[in-house]
C-alpha atoms as a PDB file:
ATOM      1  CA  UNK A   1     -11.097 161.682   3.379  1.00  0.00           C
ATOM      2  CA  UNK A   2     -13.988 160.390   1.637  1.00  0.00           C
ATOM      3  CA  UNK A   3     -14.304 157.430   3.926  1.00  0.00           C
ATOM      4  CA  UNK A   4     -14.246 159.750   6.949  1.00  0.00           C
ATOM      5  CA  UNK A   5     -17.029 161.828   5.420  1.00  0.00           C
ATOM      6  CA  UNK A   6     -19.068 158.703   4.634  1.00  0.00           C
ATOM      7  CA  UNK A   7     -18.557 157.472   8.235  1.00  0.00           C
ATOM      8  CA  UNK A   8     -19.539 160.772   9.660  1.00  0.00           C
ATOM      9  CA  UNK A   9     -22.681 160.911   7.638  1.00  0.00           C
ATOM     10  CA  UNK A  10     -23.552 157.305   8.703  1.00  0.00           C
ATOM     11  CA  UNK A  11     -23.155 158.269  12.335  1.00  0.00           C
ATOM     12  CA  UNK A  12     -25.319 161.284  11.882  1.00  0.00           C
ATOM     13  CA  UNK A  13     -27.970 159.335  10.196  1.00  0.00           C
ATOM     14  CA  UNK A  14     -27.892 156.532  12.986  1.00  0.00           C
ATOM     15  CA  UNK A  15     -28.143 159.289  15.591  1.00  0.00           C
ATOM     16  CA  UNK A  16     -31.125 160.916  13.827  1.00  0.00           C
ATOM     17  CA  UNK A  17     -32.842 157.452  13.528  1.00  0.00           C
ATOM     18  CA  UNK A  18     -32.147 156.680  17.277  1.00  0.00           C
ATOM     19  CA  UNK A  19     -33.804 160.018  18.259  1.00  0.00           C
ATOM     20  CA  UNK A  20     -36.746 159.425  16.070  1.00  0.00           C
ATOM     21  CA  UNK A  21     -37.263 155.890  17.648  1.00  0.00           C
ATOM     22  CA  UNK A  22     -36.800 157.325  21.229  1.00  0.00           C
ATOM     23  CA  UNK A  23     -39.473 160.006  20.436  1.00  0.00           C
ATOM     24  CA  UNK A  24     -41.902 157.331  19.237  1.00  0.00           C
ATOM     25  CA  UNK A  25     -41.241 155.067  22.187  1.00  0.00           C
ATOM     26  CA  UNK A  26     -41.830 158.122  24.563  1.00  0.00           C
ATOM     27  CA  UNK A  27     -45.066 158.927  22.773  1.00  0.00           C
ATOM     28  CA  UNK A  28     -46.205 155.219  23.033  1.00  0.00           C
ATOM     29  CA  UNK A  29     -45.300 155.421  26.670  1.00  0.00           C
ATOM     30  CA  UNK A  30     -47.450 158.316  27.318  1.00  0.00           C
ATOM     31  CA  UNK A  31     -50.332 156.476  25.507  1.00  0.00           C
ATOM     32  CA  UNK A  32     -49.724 153.187  27.565  1.00  0.00           C
ATOM     33  CA  UNK A  33     -49.671 155.087  30.883  1.00  0.00           C
ATOM     34  CA  UNK A  34     -52.664 157.229  29.963  1.00  0.00           C
ATOM     35  CA  UNK A  35     -54.736 154.004  29.116  1.00  0.00           C
ATOM     36  CA  UNK A  36     -53.621 152.569  32.353  1.00  0.00           C
ATOM     37  CA  UNK A  37     -54.465 155.571  34.393  1.00  0.00           C
ATOM     38  CA  UNK A  38     -57.827 155.969  32.499  1.00  0.00           C
ATOM     39  CA  UNK A  39     -58.721 152.305  33.555  1.00  0.00           C
ATOM     40  CA  UNK A  40     -57.909 153.342  37.218  1.00  0.00           C
ATOM     41  CA  UNK A  41     -60.124 156.353  36.942  1.00  0.00           C
ATOM     42  CA  UNK A  42     -63.043 154.258  35.512  1.00  0.00           C
ATOM     43  CA  UNK A  43     -62.784 155.519  31.984  1.00  0.00           C
ATOM     44  CA  UNK A  44     -63.636 153.109  29.184  1.00  0.00           C
ATOM     45  CA  UNK A  45     -63.735 152.910  25.316  1.00  0.00           C
ATOM     46  CA  UNK A  46     -63.545 156.435  23.634  1.00  0.00           C
ATOM     47  CA  UNK A  47     -63.294 158.198  26.916  1.00  0.00           C
ATOM     48  CA  UNK A  48     -60.134 156.101  27.794  1.00  0.00           C
ATOM     49  CA  UNK A  49     -58.664 156.755  24.256  1.00  0.00           C
ATOM     50  CA  UNK A  50     -59.442 160.622  24.426  1.00  0.00           C
ATOM     51  CA  UNK A  51     -57.701 160.600  27.904  1.00  0.00           C
ATOM     52  CA  UNK A  52     -54.710 158.737  26.656  1.00  0.00           C
ATOM     53  CA  UNK A  53     -54.424 161.362  23.711  1.00  0.00           C
ATOM     54  CA  UNK A  54     -54.352 164.093  26.288  1.00  0.00           C
ATOM     55  CA  UNK A  55     -51.732 162.463  28.176  1.00  0.00           C
ATOM     56  CA  UNK A  56     -49.633 162.313  25.053  1.00  0.00           C
ATOM     57  CA  UNK A  57     -50.217 165.940  24.445  1.00  0.00           C
ATOM     58  CA  UNK A  58     -49.278 166.916  28.055  1.00  0.00           C
ATOM     59  CA  UNK A  59     -46.129 164.908  27.569  1.00  0.00           C
ATOM     60  CA  UNK A  60     -45.053 167.288  24.633  1.00  0.00           C
ATOM     61  CA  UNK A  61     -45.252 170.293  26.950  1.00  0.00           C
ATOM     62  CA  UNK A  62     -41.574 170.269  28.123  1.00  0.00           C
ATOM     63  CA  UNK A  63     -38.573 167.832  27.863  1.00  0.00           C
ATOM     64  CA  UNK A  64     -38.344 165.179  30.437  1.00  0.00           C
ATOM     65  CA  UNK A  65     -41.073 163.189  32.091  1.00  0.00           C
ATOM     66  CA  UNK A  66     -42.212 165.704  34.734  1.00  0.00           C
ATOM     67  CA  UNK A  67     -44.932 167.092  32.616  1.00  0.00           C
ATOM     68  CA  UNK A  68     -46.386 163.476  31.956  1.00  0.00           C
ATOM     69  CA  UNK A  69     -46.009 162.832  35.787  1.00  0.00           C
ATOM     70  CA  UNK A  70     -47.756 166.000  36.851  1.00  0.00           C
ATOM     71  CA  UNK A  71     -50.615 165.418  34.363  1.00  0.00           C
ATOM     72  CA  UNK A  72     -51.329 161.872  35.530  1.00  0.00           C
ATOM     73  CA  UNK A  73     -50.619 162.564  39.243  1.00  0.00           C
ATOM     74  CA  UNK A  74     -53.225 165.433  39.142  1.00  0.00           C
ATOM     75  CA  UNK A  75     -55.851 163.472  37.373  1.00  0.00           C
ATOM     76  CA  UNK A  76     -55.462 160.496  39.610  1.00  0.00           C
ATOM     77  CA  UNK A  77     -55.832 162.744  42.581  1.00  0.00           C
ATOM     78  CA  UNK A  78     -58.911 164.441  41.212  1.00  0.00           C
ATOM     79  CA  UNK A  79     -60.444 161.023  40.865  1.00  0.00           C
ATOM     80  CA  UNK A  80     -59.368 159.954  44.336  1.00  0.00           C
ATOM     81  CA  UNK A  81     -57.251 157.115  43.113  1.00  0.00           C
ATOM     82  CA  UNK A  82     -54.792 156.114  45.838  1.00  0.00           C
ATOM     83  CA  UNK A  83     -51.498 155.395  44.204  1.00  0.00           C
ATOM     84  CA  UNK A  84     -47.955 156.542  45.420  1.00  0.00           C
ATOM     85  CA  UNK A  85     -45.709 158.815  43.462  1.00  0.00           C
ATOM     86  CA  UNK A  86     -43.271 155.683  43.466  1.00  0.00           C
ATOM     87  CA  UNK A  87     -45.919 153.387  41.901  1.00  0.00           C
ATOM     88  CA  UNK A  88     -46.731 155.979  39.189  1.00  0.00           C
ATOM     89  CA  UNK A  89     -43.094 156.469  38.376  1.00  0.00           C
ATOM     90  CA  UNK A  90     -42.468 152.609  38.285  1.00  0.00           C
ATOM     91  CA  UNK A  91     -45.513 152.219  35.871  1.00  0.00           C
ATOM     92  CA  UNK A  92     -44.034 154.976  33.598  1.00  0.00           C
ATOM     93  CA  UNK A  93     -40.617 153.194  33.646  1.00  0.00           C
ATOM     94  CA  UNK A  94     -42.255 149.888  32.879  1.00  0.00           C
ATOM     95  CA  UNK A  95     -44.329 151.442  30.039  1.00  0.00           C
ATOM     96  CA  UNK A  96     -41.199 153.124  28.618  1.00  0.00           C
ATOM     97  CA  UNK A  97     -39.455 149.770  28.435  1.00  0.00           C
ATOM     98  CA  UNK A  98     -42.523 148.155  26.872  1.00  0.00           C
ATOM     99  CA  UNK A  99     -42.679 150.995  24.384  1.00  0.00           C
ATOM    100  CA  UNK A 100     -39.020 150.875  23.477  1.00  0.00           C
ATOM    101  CA  UNK A 101     -39.247 147.041  22.860  1.00  0.00           C
ATOM    102  CA  UNK A 102     -42.367 147.579  20.777  1.00  0.00           C
ATOM    103  CA  UNK A 103     -40.863 150.356  18.681  1.00  0.00           C
ATOM    104  CA  UNK A 104     -37.674 148.365  18.191  1.00  0.00           C
ATOM    105  CA  UNK A 105     -39.624 145.346  16.968  1.00  0.00           C
ATOM    106  CA  UNK A 106     -41.396 147.595  14.485  1.00  0.00           C
ATOM    107  CA  UNK A 107     -44.846 147.210  16.067  1.00  0.00           C
END
């Protein structure tokens, strides 16, 4: 029975670690997409960093990616940046893959 309990604890710990890594990857994705969008809107340096931080905060509003998408879509539209929803979602997916790889590598 002890082996079963040890295995169960190990699985719970692995699940918790996986969840933490995914949270970090999603936050990193939001920052990457925020910096990318900031560049498209003509923001640089501190303004771009501040915008990226606001994107990360917006991503925490609700579960899923729709809060992130709405924030960036609205800001791009406000700055008259021509970009399709498909292009934005593709960039978000690309950034998530990059962020997961980065988090997994420990960077």
